[in-house]
Amino acid sequence: MLLDNVLEIKNLRKAFGEQLVLDNVSLSLKKGMIYGLLGANGAGKTTIIKAIFDLVKPQSGEIYLFNKKMPQSVEQYKKVGSIIETPVFYENMTVEENLLLHCDYMGEQFKNNIDKVLQDVGLFNEKEKRIDQLSLGMKQRLGLGRALLNEPELLILDEPINGLDPEGIIDFRKLILSINQTYGTTVLISSHILIEVFKIADMIGIVSKGKLIKEISKNRLEELEMDIEEYYLSLVKEKVSV
């Protein structure tokens, strides 16, 4: 195991009944990188992420977070920020009240970060609004703000741009790049929207039918002079025909 690996997954296998949803998946994230996990809906991306948080228990394999085998104590997860599927808030409470509540169990000291993260995600002027007054794009940005409250070393985002309009997708992409470049935050982002992930990821892992079928750096893909959609389809079709 490399000491600069923030996350390492080894030979992860998970089945629900007779359906194999993760088939010997291994991957690693070096400190400071953005790793894009790409695949169709149902490919296994969310199951990988849920396994990291011990929400899904694999039949075999190992997960190391900050060089410690998981699952560990809750404290280990306090170095991680996440959006898994659609972020959920208390609709009748304000933006600020929701974040204060989050700090009650993440740590009182993080209350001092609320104004800063709201500035970072462009919601400082909305902090007195109730959640039911926010657009979908605002809720997604608030989900990211909440994930950043505890100053995470690793940010895990599962399909974070689902449902966003083009302007919202562009804003969200810029936010992720800014967070990574400003704070050195390591990012794992899963999506079925290939082009958007390609625009921000340093390394791309392609998942199909529970297998991680290919990892490739963005630089290498550019050297091959193939766009991500063409490359993805060539791999998935090859996998299906085998």
C-alpha atoms as a PDB file:
ATOM      1  CA  MET A   1       0.000   0.000   0.000  1.00  0.00           C
ATOM      2  CA  LEU A   2       1.290   3.439  -0.935  1.00  0.00           C
ATOM      3  CA  LEU A   3       1.288   5.986   1.880  1.00  0.00           C
ATOM      4  CA  ASP A   4       0.013   8.732  -0.421  1.00  0.00           C
ATOM      5  CA  ASN A   5      -3.144   6.734  -1.211  1.00  0.00           C
ATOM      6  CA  VAL A   6      -6.151   8.371   0.419  1.00  0.00           C
ATOM      7  CA  LEU A   7      -8.424   5.483  -0.586  1.00  0.00           C
ATOM      8  CA  GLU A   8      -7.591   1.947  -1.648  1.00  0.00           C
ATOM      9  CA  ILE A   9     -10.071  -0.767  -2.605  1.00  0.00           C
ATOM     10  CA  LYS A  10      -8.854  -4.335  -3.092  1.00  0.00           C
ATOM     11  CA  ASN A  11     -10.748  -7.178  -4.754  1.00  0.00           C
ATOM     12  CA  LEU A  12     -14.213  -6.072  -3.683  1.00  0.00           C
ATOM     13  CA  ARG A  13     -16.973  -8.581  -4.343  1.00  0.00           C
ATOM     14  CA  LYS A  14     -20.656  -8.157  -3.570  1.00  0.00           C
ATOM     15  CA  ALA A  15     -23.719 -10.141  -4.578  1.00  0.00           C
ATOM     16  CA  PHE A  16     -27.381  -9.621  -3.807  1.00  0.00           C
ATOM     17  CA  GLY A  17     -28.751 -13.138  -3.911  1.00  0.00           C
ATOM     18  CA  GLU A  18     -27.577 -14.623  -7.201  1.00  0.00           C
ATOM     19  CA  GLN A  19     -26.904 -11.225  -8.770  1.00  0.00           C
ATOM     20  CA  LEU A  20     -23.214 -10.279  -8.719  1.00  0.00           C
ATOM     21  CA  VAL A  21     -23.039  -6.479  -8.484  1.00  0.00           C
ATOM     22  CA  LEU A  22     -19.321  -6.042  -7.733  1.00  0.00           C
ATOM     23  CA  ASP A  23     -16.865  -8.444  -9.314  1.00  0.00           C
ATOM     24  CA  ASN A  24     -13.331  -8.206  -7.891  1.00  0.00           C
ATOM     25  CA  VAL A  25     -13.126  -4.390  -8.010  1.00  0.00           C
ATOM     26  CA  SER A  26      -9.792  -2.752  -7.133  1.00  0.00           C
ATOM     27  CA  LEU A  27      -8.867   0.922  -7.373  1.00  0.00           C
ATOM     28  CA  SER A  28      -6.873   3.562  -5.531  1.00  0.00           C
ATOM     29  CA  LEU A  29      -6.898   7.341  -5.172  1.00  0.00           C
ATOM     30  CA  LYS A  30      -3.728   9.301  -4.618  1.00  0.00           C
ATOM     31  CA  LYS A  31      -3.807  12.419  -2.478  1.00  0.00           C
ATOM     32  CA  GLY A  32      -4.995  15.510  -4.370  1.00  0.00           C
ATOM     33  CA  MET A  33      -6.366  13.743  -7.449  1.00  0.00           C
ATOM     34  CA  ILE A  34      -9.840  13.817  -8.972  1.00  0.00           C
ATOM     35  CA  TYR A  35     -10.942  10.290  -9.863  1.00  0.00           C
ATOM     36  CA  GLY A  36     -13.948   9.861 -12.132  1.00  0.00           C
ATOM     37  CA  LEU A  37     -15.897   6.624 -11.826  1.00  0.00           C
ATOM     38  CA  LEU A  38     -17.868   6.216 -15.042  1.00  0.00           C
ATOM     39  CA  GLY A  39     -20.559   3.732 -15.963  1.00  0.00           C
ATOM     40  CA  ALA A  40     -24.182   3.265 -16.905  1.00  0.00           C
ATOM     41  CA  ASN A  41     -26.924   3.322 -14.288  1.00  0.00           C
ATOM     42  CA  GLY A  42     -26.777  -0.013 -12.473  1.00  0.00           C
ATOM     43  CA  ALA A  43     -23.128  -0.645 -13.363  1.00  0.00           C
ATOM     44  CA  GLY A  44     -22.102  -0.829  -9.699  1.00  0.00           C
ATOM     45  CA  LYS A  45     -20.798   2.685  -9.012  1.00  0.00           C
ATOM     46  CA  THR A  46     -23.143   3.457  -6.124  1.00  0.00           C
ATOM     47  CA  THR A  47     -22.527   0.040  -4.565  1.00  0.00           C
ATOM     48  CA  ILE A  48     -18.775   0.763  -4.524  1.00  0.00           C
ATOM     49  CA  ILE A  49     -19.408   4.076  -2.775  1.00  0.00           C
ATOM     50  CA  LYS A  50     -21.851   2.591  -0.275  1.00  0.00           C
ATOM     51  CA  ALA A  51     -19.273  -0.089   0.552  1.00  0.00           C
ATOM     52  CA  ILE A  52     -16.738   2.639   1.412  1.00  0.00           C
ATOM     53  CA  PHE A  53     -19.181   3.975   4.016  1.00  0.00           C
ATOM     54  CA  ASP A  54     -20.062   0.472   5.302  1.00  0.00           C
ATOM     55  CA  LEU A  55     -23.639   0.944   4.063  1.00  0.00           C
ATOM     56  CA  VAL A  56     -23.193  -2.179   1.938  1.00  0.00           C
ATOM     57  CA  LYS A  57     -21.151  -5.084   3.283  1.00  0.00           C
ATOM     58  CA  PRO A  58     -19.148  -6.940   0.603  1.00  0.00           C
ATOM     59  CA  GLN A  59     -18.687 -10.700   0.751  1.00  0.00           C
ATOM     60  CA  SER A  60     -14.947 -10.309   0.219  1.00  0.00           C
ATOM     61  CA  GLY A  61     -12.288  -7.683  -0.367  1.00  0.00           C
ATOM     62  CA  GLU A  62     -10.714  -4.886   1.633  1.00  0.00           C
ATOM     63  CA  ILE A  63     -11.100  -1.122   1.829  1.00  0.00           C
ATOM     64  CA  TYR A  64      -8.421   1.162   3.258  1.00  0.00           C
ATOM     65  CA  LEU A  65      -9.204   4.776   4.097  1.00  0.00           C
ATOM     66  CA  PHE A  66      -6.218   6.966   4.978  1.00  0.00           C
ATOM     67  CA  ASN A  67      -4.161   3.766   5.212  1.00  0.00           C
ATOM     68  CA  LYS A  68      -6.456   2.171   7.807  1.00  0.00           C
ATOM     69  CA  LYS A  69      -8.526  -0.889   7.042  1.00  0.00           C
ATOM     70  CA  MET A  70     -12.249  -0.185   7.122  1.00  0.00           C
ATOM     71  CA  PRO A  71     -14.640  -0.208   8.772  1.00  0.00           C
ATOM     72  CA  GLN A  72     -13.113   1.837  11.551  1.00  0.00           C
ATOM     73  CA  SER A  73     -14.642   4.203  14.059  1.00  0.00           C
ATOM     74  CA  VAL A  74     -16.961   7.067  13.134  1.00  0.00           C
ATOM     75  CA  GLU A  75     -13.993   9.389  13.637  1.00  0.00           C
ATOM     76  CA  GLN A  76     -12.361   8.012  10.495  1.00  0.00           C
ATOM     77  CA  TYR A  77     -15.330   9.102   8.413  1.00  0.00           C
ATOM     78  CA  LYS A  78     -15.124  12.642   9.766  1.00  0.00           C
ATOM     79  CA  LYS A  79     -12.252  13.214   7.332  1.00  0.00           C
ATOM     80  CA  VAL A  80     -14.660  12.512   4.475  1.00  0.00           C
ATOM     81  CA  GLY A  81     -17.377  14.670   2.896  1.00  0.00           C
ATOM     82  CA  SER A  82     -20.003  13.096   0.691  1.00  0.00           C
ATOM     83  CA  ILE A  83     -23.092  13.391  -1.427  1.00  0.00           C
ATOM     84  CA  ILE A  84     -24.625   9.967  -2.006  1.00  0.00           C
ATOM     85  CA  GLU A  85     -27.497  10.177  -4.463  1.00  0.00           C
ATOM     86  CA  THR A  86     -29.826  13.169  -3.769  1.00  0.00           C
ATOM     87  CA  PRO A  87     -28.938  15.281  -0.700  1.00  0.00           C
ATOM     88  CA  VAL A  88     -31.762  15.407   1.851  1.00  0.00           C
ATOM     89  CA  PHE A  89     -32.539  18.379   4.105  1.00  0.00           C
ATOM     90  CA  TYR A  90     -35.212  19.462   6.557  1.00  0.00           C
ATOM     91  CA  GLU A  91     -37.468  21.386   4.190  1.00  0.00           C
ATOM     92  CA  ASN A  92     -39.074  23.624   6.831  1.00  0.00           C
ATOM     93  CA  MET A  93     -35.718  24.785   8.196  1.00  0.00           C
ATOM     94  CA  THR A  94     -33.413  27.405   6.731  1.00  0.00           C
ATOM     95  CA  VAL A  95     -30.140  26.779   4.932  1.00  0.00           C
ATOM     96  CA  GLU A  96     -28.187  27.950   7.971  1.00  0.00           C
ATOM     97  CA  GLU A  97     -30.285  25.871  10.411  1.00  0.00           C
ATOM     98  CA  ASN A  98     -29.664  22.720   8.380  1.00  0.00           C
ATOM     99  CA  LEU A  99     -25.916  23.308   8.454  1.00  0.00           C
ATOM    100  CA  LEU A 100     -25.956  24.063  12.193  1.00  0.00           C
ATOM    101  CA  LEU A 101     -27.763  20.785  12.765  1.00  0.00           C
ATOM    102  CA  HIS A 102     -25.146  18.949  10.710  1.00  0.00           C
ATOM    103  CA  CYS A 103     -22.417  20.421  12.924  1.00  0.00           C
ATOM    104  CA  ASP A 104     -24.158  19.117  16.048  1.00  0.00           C
ATOM    105  CA  TYR A 105     -22.971  15.613  15.206  1.00  0.00           C
ATOM    106  CA  MET A 106     -19.917  16.350  13.038  1.00  0.00           C
ATOM    107  CA  GLY A 107     -18.380  18.712  15.599  1.00  0.00           C
ATOM    108  CA  GLU A 108     -19.282  22.061  17.156  1.00  0.00           C
ATOM    109  CA  GLN A 109     -16.015  23.576  15.900  1.00  0.00           C
ATOM    110  CA  PHE A 110     -17.228  23.350  12.313  1.00  0.00           C
ATOM    111  CA  LYS A 111     -19.991  25.913  12.926  1.00  0.00           C
ATOM    112  CA  ASN A 112     -17.326  28.534  12.295  1.00  0.00           C
ATOM    113  CA  ASN A 113     -17.072  27.247   8.703  1.00  0.00           C
ATOM    114  CA  ILE A 114     -20.711  27.829   7.756  1.00  0.00           C
ATOM    115  CA  ASP A 115     -20.363  31.308   6.286  1.00  0.00           C
ATOM    116  CA  LYS A 116     -17.187  30.307   4.437  1.00  0.00           C
ATOM    117  CA  VAL A 117     -18.670  27.237   2.741  1.00  0.00           C
ATOM    118  CA  LEU A 118     -21.819  29.178   1.829  1.00  0.00           C
ATOM    119  CA  GLN A 119     -19.583  31.760   0.157  1.00  0.00           C
ATOM    120  CA  ASP A 120     -17.682  28.969  -1.629  1.00  0.00           C
ATOM    121  CA  VAL A 121     -20.852  27.406  -3.063  1.00  0.00           C
ATOM    122  CA  GLY A 122     -22.541  30.752  -3.820  1.00  0.00           C
ATOM    123  CA  LEU A 123     -25.326  30.524  -1.235  1.00  0.00           C
ATOM    124  CA  PHE A 124     -24.287  33.053   1.383  1.00  0.00           C
ATOM    125  CA  ASN A 125     -27.150  35.385   0.477  1.00  0.00           C
ATOM    126  CA  GLU A 126     -29.653  32.515   0.740  1.00  0.00           C
ATOM    127  CA  LYS A 127     -28.754  31.322   4.230  1.00  0.00           C
ATOM    128  CA  GLU A 128     -32.003  32.600   5.774  1.00  0.00           C
ATOM    129  CA  LYS A 129     -34.157  30.908   3.118  1.00  0.00           C
ATOM    130  CA  ARG A 130     -36.042  27.722   3.916  1.00  0.00           C
ATOM    131  CA  ILE A 131     -35.014  24.645   1.949  1.00  0.00           C
ATOM    132  CA  ASP A 132     -38.424  24.452   0.235  1.00  0.00           C
ATOM    133  CA  GLN A 133     -37.671  27.861  -1.317  1.00  0.00           C
ATOM    134  CA  LEU A 134     -34.507  26.630  -3.065  1.00  0.00           C
ATOM    135  CA  SER A 135     -34.155  25.425  -6.645  1.00  0.00           C
ATOM    136  CA  LEU A 136     -32.749  21.958  -7.366  1.00  0.00           C
ATOM    137  CA  GLY A 137     -29.428  23.504  -8.351  1.00  0.00           C
ATOM    138  CA  MET A 138     -29.245  25.399  -5.067  1.00  0.00           C
ATOM    139  CA  LYS A 139     -29.983  22.210  -3.121  1.00  0.00           C
ATOM    140  CA  GLN A 140     -27.179  20.398  -4.942  1.00  0.00           C
ATOM    141  CA  ARG A 141     -24.789  23.246  -4.121  1.00  0.00           C
ATOM    142  CA  LEU A 142     -25.954  23.192  -0.516  1.00  0.00           C
ATOM    143  CA  GLY A 143     -25.298  19.453  -0.433  1.00  0.00           C
ATOM    144  CA  LEU A 144     -21.744  20.185  -1.518  1.00  0.00           C
ATOM    145  CA  GLY A 145     -21.450  22.936   1.092  1.00  0.00           C
ATOM    146  CA  ARG A 146     -22.599  20.561   3.816  1.00  0.00           C
ATOM    147  CA  ALA A 147     -20.069  17.968   2.609  1.00  0.00           C
ATOM    148  CA  LEU A 148     -17.305  20.594   2.938  1.00  0.00           C
ATOM    149  CA  LEU A 149     -18.194  21.798   6.433  1.00  0.00           C
ATOM    150  CA  ASN A 150     -15.836  19.394   8.187  1.00  0.00           C
ATOM    151  CA  GLU A 151     -12.868  20.371   5.958  1.00  0.00           C
ATOM    152  CA  PRO A 152     -12.668  16.878   4.414  1.00  0.00           C
ATOM    153  CA  GLU A 153      -9.487  15.405   3.016  1.00  0.00           C
ATOM    154  CA  LEU A 154     -11.605  13.234   0.711  1.00  0.00           C
ATOM    155  CA  LEU A 155     -14.806  14.283  -1.063  1.00  0.00           C
ATOM    156  CA  ILE A 156     -17.029  11.508  -2.452  1.00  0.00           C
ATOM    157  CA  LEU A 157     -19.792  12.506  -4.859  1.00  0.00           C
ATOM    158  CA  ASP A 158     -22.283  10.014  -6.298  1.00  0.00           C
ATOM    159  CA  GLU A 159     -24.120  11.322  -9.393  1.00  0.00           C
ATOM    160  CA  PRO A 160     -23.974  14.918  -8.088  1.00  0.00           C
ATOM    161  CA  ILE A 161     -25.184  16.590 -11.294  1.00  0.00           C
ATOM    162  CA  ASN A 162     -28.321  14.524 -11.842  1.00  0.00           C
ATOM    163  CA  GLY A 163     -31.266  16.786 -12.605  1.00  0.00           C
ATOM    164  CA  LEU A 164     -29.223  19.961 -12.988  1.00  0.00           C
ATOM    165  CA  ASP A 165     -29.754  22.248 -15.972  1.00  0.00           C
ATOM    166  CA  PRO A 166     -26.734  23.144 -18.171  1.00  0.00           C
ATOM    167  CA  GLU A 167     -25.924  26.280 -16.166  1.00  0.00           C
ATOM    168  CA  GLY A 168     -26.117  24.313 -12.908  1.00  0.00           C
ATOM    169  CA  ILE A 169     -23.798  21.619 -14.294  1.00  0.00           C
ATOM    170  CA  ILE A 170     -21.222  24.229 -15.332  1.00  0.00           C
ATOM    171  CA  ASP A 171     -21.386  25.909 -11.910  1.00  0.00           C
ATOM    172  CA  PHE A 172     -21.006  22.577 -10.120  1.00  0.00           C
ATOM    173  CA  ARG A 173     -18.025  21.588 -12.281  1.00  0.00           C
ATOM    174  CA  LYS A 174     -16.281  24.878 -11.517  1.00  0.00           C
ATOM    175  CA  LEU A 175     -16.920  24.396  -7.799  1.00  0.00           C
ATOM    176  CA  ILE A 176     -15.340  20.934  -7.746  1.00  0.00           C
ATOM    177  CA  LEU A 177     -12.267  22.153  -9.631  1.00  0.00           C
ATOM    178  CA  SER A 178     -11.946  25.171  -7.330  1.00  0.00           C
ATOM    179  CA  ILE A 179     -12.184  23.041  -4.185  1.00  0.00           C
ATOM    180  CA  ASN A 180      -9.612  20.583  -5.498  1.00  0.00           C
ATOM    181  CA  GLN A 181      -7.172  23.278  -6.595  1.00  0.00           C
ATOM    182  CA  THR A 182      -7.626  25.614  -3.617  1.00  0.00           C
ATOM    183  CA  TYR A 183      -7.594  23.078  -0.780  1.00  0.00           C
ATOM    184  CA  GLY A 184      -5.932  20.052  -2.363  1.00  0.00           C
ATOM    185  CA  THR A 185      -9.027  17.988  -1.590  1.00  0.00           C
ATOM    186  CA  THR A 186      -9.015  14.504  -3.109  1.00  0.00           C
ATOM    187  CA  VAL A 187     -12.244  13.853  -5.031  1.00  0.00           C
ATOM    188  CA  LEU A 188     -14.022  10.662  -6.093  1.00  0.00           C
ATOM    189  CA  ILE A 189     -16.936  11.463  -8.400  1.00  0.00           C
ATOM    190  CA  SER A 190     -19.223   8.887  -9.968  1.00  0.00           C
ATOM    191  CA  SER A 191     -21.470   9.638 -12.920  1.00  0.00           C
ATOM    192  CA  HIS A 192     -22.986   8.275 -16.099  1.00  0.00           C
ATOM    193  CA  ILE A 193     -22.464  11.692 -17.751  1.00  0.00           C
ATOM    194  CA  LEU A 194     -19.154  10.935 -19.441  1.00  0.00           C
ATOM    195  CA  ILE A 195     -18.165  14.294 -20.877  1.00  0.00           C
ATOM    196  CA  GLU A 196     -18.683  16.250 -17.661  1.00  0.00           C
ATOM    197  CA  VAL A 197     -16.512  13.899 -15.605  1.00  0.00           C
ATOM    198  CA  PHE A 198     -13.827  13.891 -18.300  1.00  0.00           C
ATOM    199  CA  LYS A 199     -13.612  17.689 -18.018  1.00  0.00           C
ATOM    200  CA  ILE A 200     -12.465  17.544 -14.387  1.00  0.00           C
ATOM    201  CA  ALA A 201     -10.968  14.091 -13.694  1.00  0.00           C
ATOM    202  CA  ASP A 202      -7.251  13.291 -13.605  1.00  0.00           C
ATOM    203  CA  MET A 203      -7.931   9.541 -13.701  1.00  0.00           C
ATOM    204  CA  ILE A 204     -10.967   7.698 -15.045  1.00  0.00           C
ATOM    205  CA  GLY A 205     -12.216   4.253 -14.048  1.00  0.00           C
ATOM    206  CA  ILE A 206     -14.843   2.629 -16.253  1.00  0.00           C
ATOM    207  CA  VAL A 207     -17.310   0.273 -14.587  1.00  0.00           C
ATOM    208  CA  SER A 208     -19.512  -2.166 -16.499  1.00  0.00           C
ATOM    209  CA  LYS A 209     -21.691  -4.900 -15.017  1.00  0.00           C
ATOM    210  CA  GLY A 210     -19.908  -4.789 -11.679  1.00  0.00           C
ATOM    211  CA  LYS A 211     -16.376  -4.885 -13.071  1.00  0.00           C
ATOM    212  CA  LEU A 212     -13.809  -2.109 -13.241  1.00  0.00           C
ATOM    213  CA  ILE A 213     -12.873  -2.835 -16.838  1.00  0.00           C
ATOM    214  CA  LYS A 214     -10.364  -0.032 -17.417  1.00  0.00           C
ATOM    215  CA  GLU A 215      -8.470   2.773 -15.695  1.00  0.00           C
ATOM    216  CA  ILE A 216      -6.887   5.482 -17.814  1.00  0.00           C
ATOM    217  CA  SER A 217      -5.476   8.922 -17.117  1.00  0.00           C
ATOM    218  CA  LYS A 218      -6.942  11.952 -18.819  1.00  0.00           C
ATOM    219  CA  ASN A 219      -3.519  12.731 -20.278  1.00  0.00           C
ATOM    220  CA  ARG A 220      -3.249   9.262 -21.823  1.00  0.00           C
ATOM    221  CA  LEU A 221      -6.715   9.502 -23.318  1.00  0.00           C
ATOM    222  CA  GLU A 222      -5.804  12.833 -24.887  1.00  0.00           C
ATOM    223  CA  GLU A 223      -2.651  11.243 -26.327  1.00  0.00           C
ATOM    224  CA  LEU A 224      -4.825   8.580 -27.965  1.00  0.00           C
ATOM    225  CA  GLU A 225      -6.851  11.408 -29.568  1.00  0.00           C
ATOM    226  CA  MET A 226     -10.120   9.688 -28.633  1.00  0.00           C
ATOM    227  CA  ASP A 227     -13.002  11.443 -26.977  1.00  0.00           C
ATOM    228  CA  ILE A 228     -14.343   9.846 -23.820  1.00  0.00           C
ATOM    229  CA  GLU A 229     -17.630   8.719 -25.369  1.00  0.00           C
ATOM    230  CA  GLU A 230     -15.862   6.926 -28.225  1.00  0.00           C
ATOM    231  CA  TYR A 231     -13.408   5.313 -25.801  1.00  0.00           C
ATOM    232  CA  TYR A 232     -16.113   4.267 -23.343  1.00  0.00           C
ATOM    233  CA  LEU A 233     -18.288   2.677 -26.031  1.00  0.00           C
ATOM    234  CA  SER A 234     -15.332   0.782 -27.508  1.00  0.00           C
ATOM    235  CA  LEU A 235     -14.593  -0.768 -24.114  1.00  0.00           C
ATOM    236  CA  VAL A 236     -18.164  -1.562 -23.151  1.00  0.00           C
ATOM    237  CA  LYS A 237     -18.987  -3.129 -26.518  1.00  0.00           C
ATOM    238  CA  GLU A 238     -15.786  -5.192 -26.324  1.00  0.00           C
ATOM    239  CA  LYS A 239     -16.773  -6.328 -22.832  1.00  0.00           C
ATOM    240  CA  VAL A 240     -20.262  -7.327 -23.958  1.00  0.00           C
ATOM    241  CA  SER A 241     -18.921  -9.343 -26.898  1.00  0.00           C
ATOM    242  CA  VAL A 242     -16.452 -11.340 -24.774  1.00  0.00           C
END
